[in-house]
Amino acid sequence: MYGIGEPKCICVRHWGELVYMRTALERGIVYASGMLKERERRLNRLPQGSGSRGPMDDEMDT
């Protein structure tokens, strides 16, 4: 009988950690998206053609 109740205890113990990890992940995604937006803003300031995706890259695909 002891073996049957054991996994429940493990799940309950780790549940708090999972919730914490999820909130931390969500915060990380929000932070990362903010960083990406800031990076896009910086890239937009640069002159055309200096970015990673330019007119030359489109010609290479065809």
C-alpha atoms as a PDB file:
ATOM      1  CA  MET A   1       0.000   0.000   0.000  1.00  0.00           C
ATOM      2  CA  TYR A   2       2.924   2.319   0.685  1.00  0.00           C
ATOM      3  CA  GLY A   3       4.064   2.160  -2.944  1.00  0.00           C
ATOM      4  CA  ILE A   4       0.642   3.280  -4.260  1.00  0.00           C
ATOM      5  CA  GLY A   5       0.569   6.529  -2.235  1.00  0.00           C
ATOM      6  CA  GLU A   6       4.176   7.438  -2.967  1.00  0.00           C
ATOM      7  CA  PRO A   7       3.768   8.853  -6.502  1.00  0.00           C
ATOM      8  CA  LYS A   8       0.955  11.151  -5.271  1.00  0.00           C
ATOM      9  CA  CYS A   9       3.298  12.666  -2.697  1.00  0.00           C
ATOM     10  CA  ILE A  10       5.939  13.220  -5.363  1.00  0.00           C
ATOM     11  CA  CYS A  11       3.388  14.905  -7.659  1.00  0.00           C
ATOM     12  CA  VAL A  12       2.157  17.201  -4.880  1.00  0.00           C
ATOM     13  CA  ARG A  13       5.715  18.057  -3.864  1.00  0.00           C
ATOM     14  CA  HIS A  14       6.734  18.942  -7.411  1.00  0.00           C
ATOM     15  CA  TRP A  15       3.478  20.773  -8.247  1.00  0.00           C
ATOM     16  CA  GLY A  16       4.633  23.960  -6.525  1.00  0.00           C
ATOM     17  CA  GLU A  17       7.923  23.794  -8.424  1.00  0.00           C
ATOM     18  CA  LEU A  18       6.089  23.271 -11.728  1.00  0.00           C
ATOM     19  CA  VAL A  19       3.833  26.279 -11.089  1.00  0.00           C
ATOM     20  CA  TYR A  20       6.891  28.357 -10.154  1.00  0.00           C
ATOM     21  CA  MET A  21       8.725  27.189 -13.280  1.00  0.00           C
ATOM     22  CA  ARG A  22       5.701  28.046 -15.438  1.00  0.00           C
ATOM     23  CA  THR A  23       5.427  31.581 -14.037  1.00  0.00           C
ATOM     24  CA  ALA A  24       9.181  32.025 -14.434  1.00  0.00           C
ATOM     25  CA  LEU A  25       8.935  30.766 -18.027  1.00  0.00           C
ATOM     26  CA  GLU A  26       6.049  33.134 -18.790  1.00  0.00           C
ATOM     27  CA  ARG A  27       8.018  36.030 -17.322  1.00  0.00           C
ATOM     28  CA  GLY A  28      11.019  34.938 -19.380  1.00  0.00           C
ATOM     29  CA  ILE A  29       8.925  34.886 -22.569  1.00  0.00           C
ATOM     30  CA  VAL A  30       7.593  38.377 -21.823  1.00  0.00           C
ATOM     31  CA  TYR A  31      11.150  39.562 -21.131  1.00  0.00           C
ATOM     32  CA  ALA A  32      12.487  37.872 -24.287  1.00  0.00           C
ATOM     33  CA  SER A  33       9.709  39.330 -26.455  1.00  0.00           C
ATOM     34  CA  GLY A  34      10.533  42.760 -25.055  1.00  0.00           C
ATOM     35  CA  MET A  35      14.195  42.190 -25.924  1.00  0.00           C
ATOM     36  CA  LEU A  36      13.247  41.115 -29.463  1.00  0.00           C
ATOM     37  CA  LYS A  37      11.107  44.221 -29.933  1.00  0.00           C
ATOM     38  CA  GLU A  38      14.004  46.386 -28.751  1.00  0.00           C
ATOM     39  CA  ARG A  39      16.332  44.538 -31.153  1.00  0.00           C
ATOM     40  CA  GLU A  40      13.867  45.051 -34.035  1.00  0.00           C
ATOM     41  CA  ARG A  41      13.761  48.759 -33.228  1.00  0.00           C
ATOM     42  CA  ARG A  42      17.569  48.904 -33.394  1.00  0.00           C
ATOM     43  CA  LEU A  43      17.655  46.953 -36.680  1.00  0.00           C
ATOM     44  CA  ASN A  44      15.061  49.281 -38.212  1.00  0.00           C
ATOM     45  CA  ARG A  45      17.347  52.236 -37.444  1.00  0.00           C
ATOM     46  CA  LEU A  46      20.168  50.674 -39.471  1.00  0.00           C
ATOM     47  CA  PRO A  47      20.375  51.417 -43.210  1.00  0.00           C
ATOM     48  CA  GLN A  48      18.639  48.975 -45.565  1.00  0.00           C
ATOM     49  CA  GLY A  49      20.685  45.942 -46.618  1.00  0.00           C
ATOM     50  CA  SER A  50      22.822  45.734 -43.456  1.00  0.00           C
ATOM     51  CA  GLY A  51      20.362  43.349 -41.757  1.00  0.00           C
ATOM     52  CA  SER A  52      20.579  39.546 -41.896  1.00  0.00           C
ATOM     53  CA  ARG A  53      17.549  39.361 -44.234  1.00  0.00           C
ATOM     54  CA  GLY A  54      18.041  41.568 -47.263  1.00  0.00           C
ATOM     55  CA  PRO A  55      17.306  41.654 -51.003  1.00  0.00           C
ATOM     56  CA  MET A  56      20.330  39.424 -51.677  1.00  0.00           C
ATOM     57  CA  ASP A  57      19.007  36.592 -49.455  1.00  0.00           C
ATOM     58  CA  ASP A  58      15.708  36.490 -51.368  1.00  0.00           C
ATOM     59  CA  GLU A  59      17.554  36.034 -54.678  1.00  0.00           C
ATOM     60  CA  MET A  60      19.604  33.143 -53.250  1.00  0.00           C
ATOM     61  CA  ASP A  61      16.456  31.091 -52.470  1.00  0.00           C
ATOM     62  CA  THR A  62      15.261  31.008 -56.090  1.00  0.00           C
END
